Amino acid sequence: MNGKKTTTNLCYYALMTCTLILTGCAKQRYQLIEQIHLTNIEKSQAMQAAEDVLAKMHFTIEKADTESGFIRTRPLEGAQFFEFWRKDNVGAFNAAEANLHSIRRIAELNISQDGEKLRIDCDVKTQRLNLPERQTTSSTRAYEMFSKSSPSMQKLRLNKQQKTGVAWADLGQDKQLATEILKRIEKRIEQR
């Protein structure tokens, strides 16, 4: 009888431990922001604040037009796990994806007048690098699937057919990063 009770208790504790672990790993809610509205600020000041925020996040500005209120960044490769100072992977999924694939993001901001308020919209496009595979003839030559490598030295050397097939595939929007950019812009403007 005592052995049965011990087994039942052990199963109970194992079940509770699994439940607690899964609860901790549950997807956390992240409130997304589509746009922000600002008062008592000029468009040029908002543009400067947005450029400062993007620069702090390691984005490089490709185009900035104060008159139209448009900012676009150059593609920024996703941060790797050891780049702890970078903050462009918002959320566990985006961090894991950037560590498993070659990911890049492009941020676009539109700053426009909305009545008496200034409205800022942010759109972040995510892309993944696709490399075409090569035909392998045996499992021992699997190291040559993507490039001309040897078993002892892995190098990325693509043949002519593969080079023409290399492309950045659109993965859609990164709304979490767009929200983070907007929050930082709003905070930056409030600090002025």
C-alpha atoms as a PDB file:
ATOM      1  CA  MET A   1       0.000   0.000   0.000  1.00  0.00           C
ATOM      2  CA  ASN A   2       2.816   2.374   0.853  1.00  0.00           C
ATOM      3  CA  GLY A   3       4.516   1.755  -2.542  1.00  0.00           C
ATOM      4  CA  LYS A   4       1.282   2.604  -4.385  1.00  0.00           C
ATOM      5  CA  LYS A   5       0.920   5.868  -2.460  1.00  0.00           C
ATOM      6  CA  THR A   6       4.540   6.828  -3.244  1.00  0.00           C
ATOM      7  CA  THR A   7       3.972   6.156  -6.963  1.00  0.00           C
ATOM      8  CA  THR A   8       0.768   8.244  -6.904  1.00  0.00           C
ATOM      9  CA  ASN A   9       2.541  11.115  -5.147  1.00  0.00           C
ATOM     10  CA  LEU A  10       5.441  10.912  -7.597  1.00  0.00           C
ATOM     11  CA  CYS A  11       3.043  11.063 -10.561  1.00  0.00           C
ATOM     12  CA  TYR A  12       1.223  14.003  -8.939  1.00  0.00           C
ATOM     13  CA  TYR A  13       4.472  15.945  -8.423  1.00  0.00           C
ATOM     14  CA  ALA A  14       5.644  15.173 -11.955  1.00  0.00           C
ATOM     15  CA  LEU A  15       2.325  16.381 -13.369  1.00  0.00           C
ATOM     16  CA  MET A  16       2.463  19.579 -11.289  1.00  0.00           C
ATOM     17  CA  THR A  17       6.059  20.232 -12.366  1.00  0.00           C
ATOM     18  CA  CYS A  18       5.155  19.818 -16.044  1.00  0.00           C
ATOM     19  CA  THR A  19       2.169  22.135 -15.593  1.00  0.00           C
ATOM     20  CA  LEU A  20       4.324  24.813 -13.977  1.00  0.00           C
ATOM     21  CA  ILE A  21       6.972  24.530 -16.683  1.00  0.00           C
ATOM     22  CA  LEU A  22       4.400  24.789 -19.454  1.00  0.00           C
ATOM     23  CA  THR A  23       2.724  27.732 -17.744  1.00  0.00           C
ATOM     24  CA  GLY A  24       6.061  29.546 -17.625  1.00  0.00           C
ATOM     25  CA  CYS A  25       6.619  28.858 -21.312  1.00  0.00           C
ATOM     26  CA  ALA A  26       3.151  30.001 -22.299  1.00  0.00           C
ATOM     27  CA  LYS A  27       2.991  32.758 -24.864  1.00  0.00           C
ATOM     28  CA  GLN A  28       2.998  36.086 -23.097  1.00  0.00           C
ATOM     29  CA  ARG A  29       0.602  38.777 -24.245  1.00  0.00           C
ATOM     30  CA  TYR A  30       2.255  41.680 -25.992  1.00  0.00           C
ATOM     31  CA  GLN A  31      -0.020  44.637 -26.609  1.00  0.00           C
ATOM     32  CA  LEU A  32       0.562  45.745 -30.187  1.00  0.00           C
ATOM     33  CA  ILE A  33       0.405  49.400 -31.156  1.00  0.00           C
ATOM     34  CA  GLU A  34      -0.525  50.298 -34.730  1.00  0.00           C
ATOM     35  CA  GLN A  35       0.312  54.002 -34.441  1.00  0.00           C
ATOM     36  CA  ILE A  36       0.928  56.779 -31.969  1.00  0.00           C
ATOM     37  CA  HIS A  37      -0.555  60.276 -31.797  1.00  0.00           C
ATOM     38  CA  LEU A  38       1.489  63.181 -30.465  1.00  0.00           C
ATOM     39  CA  THR A  39       0.592  66.744 -29.542  1.00  0.00           C
ATOM     40  CA  ASN A  40       2.700  69.902 -29.214  1.00  0.00           C
ATOM     41  CA  ILE A  41       5.481  68.714 -31.511  1.00  0.00           C
ATOM     42  CA  GLU A  42       6.568  69.625 -35.001  1.00  0.00           C
ATOM     43  CA  LYS A  43       7.109  67.101 -37.755  1.00  0.00           C
ATOM     44  CA  SER A  44      10.840  67.863 -37.958  1.00  0.00           C
ATOM     45  CA  GLN A  45      11.244  67.178 -34.214  1.00  0.00           C
ATOM     46  CA  ALA A  46       9.351  63.887 -34.525  1.00  0.00           C
ATOM     47  CA  MET A  47      11.514  62.924 -37.514  1.00  0.00           C
ATOM     48  CA  GLN A  48      14.683  63.630 -35.520  1.00  0.00           C
ATOM     49  CA  ALA A  49      13.418  61.592 -32.545  1.00  0.00           C
ATOM     50  CA  ALA A  50      12.506  58.690 -34.843  1.00  0.00           C
ATOM     51  CA  GLU A  51      15.926  58.771 -36.528  1.00  0.00           C
ATOM     52  CA  ASP A  52      17.632  58.804 -33.112  1.00  0.00           C
ATOM     53  CA  VAL A  53      15.609  55.792 -31.924  1.00  0.00           C
ATOM     54  CA  LEU A  54      16.331  53.833 -35.096  1.00  0.00           C
ATOM     55  CA  ALA A  55      20.048  54.636 -34.867  1.00  0.00           C
ATOM     56  CA  LYS A  56      20.148  53.454 -31.236  1.00  0.00           C
ATOM     57  CA  MET A  57      18.565  50.190 -32.396  1.00  0.00           C
ATOM     58  CA  HIS A  58      21.416  49.839 -34.951  1.00  0.00           C
ATOM     59  CA  PHE A  59      19.300  50.594 -38.025  1.00  0.00           C
ATOM     60  CA  THR A  60      20.882  52.666 -40.790  1.00  0.00           C
ATOM     61  CA  ILE A  61      18.633  55.266 -42.425  1.00  0.00           C
ATOM     62  CA  GLU A  62      18.319  54.715 -46.170  1.00  0.00           C
ATOM     63  CA  LYS A  63      15.826  57.492 -46.889  1.00  0.00           C
ATOM     64  CA  ALA A  64      14.493  60.311 -44.746  1.00  0.00           C
ATOM     65  CA  ASP A  65      12.177  62.934 -46.236  1.00  0.00           C
ATOM     66  CA  THR A  66      11.049  65.525 -43.693  1.00  0.00           C
ATOM     67  CA  GLU A  67       8.614  67.157 -46.092  1.00  0.00           C
ATOM     68  CA  SER A  68       6.628  63.971 -46.703  1.00  0.00           C
ATOM     69  CA  GLY A  69       7.350  62.555 -43.225  1.00  0.00           C
ATOM     70  CA  PHE A  70       8.828  59.283 -44.478  1.00  0.00           C
ATOM     71  CA  ILE A  71      11.741  57.270 -43.076  1.00  0.00           C
ATOM     72  CA  ARG A  72      12.995  53.922 -44.434  1.00  0.00           C
ATOM     73  CA  THR A  73      15.957  51.972 -43.097  1.00  0.00           C
ATOM     74  CA  ARG A  74      18.400  49.706 -44.839  1.00  0.00           C
ATOM     75  CA  PRO A  75      17.932  46.006 -44.108  1.00  0.00           C
ATOM     76  CA  LEU A  76      19.225  45.057 -40.654  1.00  0.00           C
ATOM     77  CA  GLU A  77      20.290  41.465 -40.097  1.00  0.00           C
ATOM     78  CA  GLY A  78      18.610  39.901 -37.041  1.00  0.00           C
ATOM     79  CA  ALA A  79      20.655  39.856 -33.845  1.00  0.00           C
ATOM     80  CA  GLN A  80      22.263  36.580 -32.800  1.00  0.00           C
ATOM     81  CA  PHE A  81      22.066  35.198 -29.260  1.00  0.00           C
ATOM     82  CA  PHE A  82      25.521  36.514 -28.335  1.00  0.00           C
ATOM     83  CA  GLU A  83      24.683  40.091 -29.451  1.00  0.00           C
ATOM     84  CA  PHE A  84      22.998  40.916 -26.145  1.00  0.00           C
ATOM     85  CA  TRP A  85      23.304  44.686 -26.722  1.00  0.00           C
ATOM     86  CA  ARG A  86      21.008  44.589 -29.767  1.00  0.00           C
ATOM     87  CA  LYS A  87      17.254  44.893 -29.274  1.00  0.00           C
ATOM     88  CA  ASP A  88      15.799  44.141 -32.722  1.00  0.00           C
ATOM     89  CA  ASN A  89      14.467  40.678 -31.809  1.00  0.00           C
ATOM     90  CA  VAL A  90      11.295  41.357 -29.835  1.00  0.00           C
ATOM     91  CA  GLY A  91       9.816  38.164 -28.391  1.00  0.00           C
ATOM     92  CA  ALA A  92      11.100  34.618 -28.060  1.00  0.00           C
ATOM     93  CA  PHE A  93       9.879  33.498 -31.490  1.00  0.00           C
ATOM     94  CA  ASN A  94      11.687  36.330 -33.312  1.00  0.00           C
ATOM     95  CA  ALA A  95      14.888  35.684 -31.345  1.00  0.00           C
ATOM     96  CA  ALA A  96      14.797  31.966 -32.138  1.00  0.00           C
ATOM     97  CA  GLU A  97      14.034  32.616 -35.798  1.00  0.00           C
ATOM     98  CA  ALA A  98      16.946  35.057 -36.132  1.00  0.00           C
ATOM     99  CA  ASN A  99      19.299  32.476 -34.607  1.00  0.00           C
ATOM    100  CA  LEU A 100      18.129  29.662 -36.891  1.00  0.00           C
ATOM    101  CA  HIS A 101      17.855  31.557 -40.179  1.00  0.00           C
ATOM    102  CA  SER A 102      19.389  34.521 -41.954  1.00  0.00           C
ATOM    103  CA  ILE A 103      16.748  37.147 -41.141  1.00  0.00           C
ATOM    104  CA  ARG A 104      16.700  40.829 -41.961  1.00  0.00           C
ATOM    105  CA  ARG A 105      14.229  43.600 -41.199  1.00  0.00           C
ATOM    106  CA  ILE A 106      13.394  46.917 -42.862  1.00  0.00           C
ATOM    107  CA  ALA A 107      11.561  49.606 -40.884  1.00  0.00           C
ATOM    108  CA  GLU A 108       9.376  52.243 -42.535  1.00  0.00           C
ATOM    109  CA  LEU A 109       7.842  55.160 -40.642  1.00  0.00           C
ATOM    110  CA  ASN A 110       5.216  57.590 -41.876  1.00  0.00           C
ATOM    111  CA  ILE A 111       4.728  60.802 -39.926  1.00  0.00           C
ATOM    112  CA  SER A 112       1.654  62.807 -40.898  1.00  0.00           C
ATOM    113  CA  GLN A 113      -0.675  65.465 -39.554  1.00  0.00           C
ATOM    114  CA  ASP A 114      -3.964  64.058 -38.196  1.00  0.00           C
ATOM    115  CA  GLY A 115      -6.032  67.081 -37.261  1.00  0.00           C
ATOM    116  CA  GLU A 116      -4.195  68.860 -34.452  1.00  0.00           C
ATOM    117  CA  LYS A 117      -2.118  65.793 -33.645  1.00  0.00           C
ATOM    118  CA  LEU A 118       0.915  64.271 -35.310  1.00  0.00           C
ATOM    119  CA  ARG A 119       0.456  60.616 -36.240  1.00  0.00           C
ATOM    120  CA  ILE A 120       3.332  58.121 -36.574  1.00  0.00           C
ATOM    121  CA  ASP A 121       2.832  54.750 -38.267  1.00  0.00           C
ATOM    122  CA  CYS A 122       5.524  52.053 -38.289  1.00  0.00           C
ATOM    123  CA  ASP A 123       5.787  49.033 -40.558  1.00  0.00           C
ATOM    124  CA  VAL A 124       8.612  46.504 -40.192  1.00  0.00           C
ATOM    125  CA  LYS A 125       9.060  44.012 -43.035  1.00  0.00           C
ATOM    126  CA  THR A 126      10.833  40.742 -42.291  1.00  0.00           C
ATOM    127  CA  GLN A 127      12.724  38.690 -44.869  1.00  0.00           C
ATOM    128  CA  ARG A 128      14.578  35.357 -44.779  1.00  0.00           C
ATOM    129  CA  LEU A 129      17.452  34.318 -47.036  1.00  0.00           C
ATOM    130  CA  ASN A 130      16.640  31.286 -49.173  1.00  0.00           C
ATOM    131  CA  LEU A 131      19.516  29.241 -50.573  1.00  0.00           C
ATOM    132  CA  PRO A 132      18.693  26.675 -53.243  1.00  0.00           C
ATOM    133  CA  GLU A 133      19.884  23.154 -52.478  1.00  0.00           C
ATOM    134  CA  ARG A 134      22.219  21.119 -54.650  1.00  0.00           C
ATOM    135  CA  GLN A 135      21.493  17.546 -55.612  1.00  0.00           C
ATOM    136  CA  THR A 136      23.389  15.126 -53.359  1.00  0.00           C
ATOM    137  CA  THR A 137      24.165  11.645 -54.587  1.00  0.00           C
ATOM    138  CA  SER A 138      24.789  10.005 -51.215  1.00  0.00           C
ATOM    139  CA  SER A 139      24.416  10.677 -47.511  1.00  0.00           C
ATOM    140  CA  THR A 140      28.192  10.937 -47.101  1.00  0.00           C
ATOM    141  CA  ARG A 141      28.185  13.997 -49.372  1.00  0.00           C
ATOM    142  CA  ALA A 142      25.454  15.844 -47.480  1.00  0.00           C
ATOM    143  CA  TYR A 143      27.962  18.558 -46.550  1.00  0.00           C
ATOM    144  CA  GLU A 144      27.771  19.628 -50.213  1.00  0.00           C
ATOM    145  CA  MET A 145      24.011  20.235 -50.097  1.00  0.00           C
ATOM    146  CA  PHE A 146      24.310  24.041 -50.141  1.00  0.00           C
ATOM    147  CA  SER A 147      27.910  24.682 -51.182  1.00  0.00           C
ATOM    148  CA  LYS A 148      31.162  23.218 -52.422  1.00  0.00           C
ATOM    149  CA  SER A 149      32.600  22.207 -49.064  1.00  0.00           C
ATOM    150  CA  SER A 150      34.753  19.414 -47.782  1.00  0.00           C
ATOM    151  CA  PRO A 151      34.075  17.265 -44.714  1.00  0.00           C
ATOM    152  CA  SER A 152      36.765  19.110 -42.740  1.00  0.00           C
ATOM    153  CA  MET A 153      36.066  22.704 -43.881  1.00  0.00           C
ATOM    154  CA  GLN A 154      32.590  24.152 -44.387  1.00  0.00           C
ATOM    155  CA  LYS A 155      32.493  27.140 -46.744  1.00  0.00           C
ATOM    156  CA  LEU A 156      29.656  28.882 -48.485  1.00  0.00           C
ATOM    157  CA  ARG A 157      30.621  28.747 -52.165  1.00  0.00           C
ATOM    158  CA  LEU A 158      27.624  28.633 -54.454  1.00  0.00           C
ATOM    159  CA  ASN A 159      27.667  27.448 -58.045  1.00  0.00           C
ATOM    160  CA  LYS A 160      26.221  29.594 -60.877  1.00  0.00           C
ATOM    161  CA  GLN A 161      22.781  27.945 -60.765  1.00  0.00           C
ATOM    162  CA  GLN A 162      22.526  28.469 -57.029  1.00  0.00           C
ATOM    163  CA  LYS A 163      23.629  32.116 -57.235  1.00  0.00           C
ATOM    164  CA  THR A 164      20.712  32.912 -59.519  1.00  0.00           C
ATOM    165  CA  GLY A 165      18.306  31.203 -57.110  1.00  0.00           C
ATOM    166  CA  VAL A 166      19.404  33.061 -53.962  1.00  0.00           C
ATOM    167  CA  ALA A 167      16.619  35.390 -52.839  1.00  0.00           C
ATOM    168  CA  TRP A 168      15.191  37.143 -49.817  1.00  0.00           C
ATOM    169  CA  ALA A 169      11.700  35.772 -49.162  1.00  0.00           C
ATOM    170  CA  ASP A 170       9.132  38.012 -47.487  1.00  0.00           C
ATOM    171  CA  LEU A 171       7.906  36.702 -44.128  1.00  0.00           C
ATOM    172  CA  GLY A 172       5.445  39.507 -43.506  1.00  0.00           C
ATOM    173  CA  GLN A 173       5.390  42.161 -40.821  1.00  0.00           C
ATOM    174  CA  ASP A 174       7.109  42.142 -37.458  1.00  0.00           C
ATOM    175  CA  LYS A 175       4.405  43.934 -35.482  1.00  0.00           C
ATOM    176  CA  GLN A 176       6.198  43.408 -32.176  1.00  0.00           C
ATOM    177  CA  LEU A 177       9.294  45.266 -33.363  1.00  0.00           C
ATOM    178  CA  ALA A 178       7.115  48.000 -34.900  1.00  0.00           C
ATOM    179  CA  THR A 179       5.386  48.407 -31.521  1.00  0.00           C
ATOM    180  CA  GLU A 180       8.746  48.590 -29.743  1.00  0.00           C
ATOM    181  CA  ILE A 181       9.974  51.288 -32.153  1.00  0.00           C
ATOM    182  CA  LEU A 182       6.810  53.356 -31.645  1.00  0.00           C
ATOM    183  CA  LYS A 183       7.050  53.039 -27.838  1.00  0.00           C
ATOM    184  CA  ARG A 184      10.673  54.178 -27.907  1.00  0.00           C
ATOM    185  CA  ILE A 185       9.847  57.153 -30.134  1.00  0.00           C
ATOM    186  CA  GLU A 186       7.022  58.176 -27.807  1.00  0.00           C
ATOM    187  CA  LYS A 187       9.288  57.856 -24.757  1.00  0.00           C
ATOM    188  CA  ARG A 188      12.055  59.822 -26.484  1.00  0.00           C
ATOM    189  CA  ILE A 189       9.670  62.675 -27.320  1.00  0.00           C
ATOM    190  CA  GLU A 190       8.265  62.738 -23.756  1.00  0.00           C
ATOM    191  CA  GLN A 191      11.806  63.114 -22.367  1.00  0.00           C
ATOM    192  CA  ARG A 192      12.388  66.313 -24.350  1.00  0.00           C
END
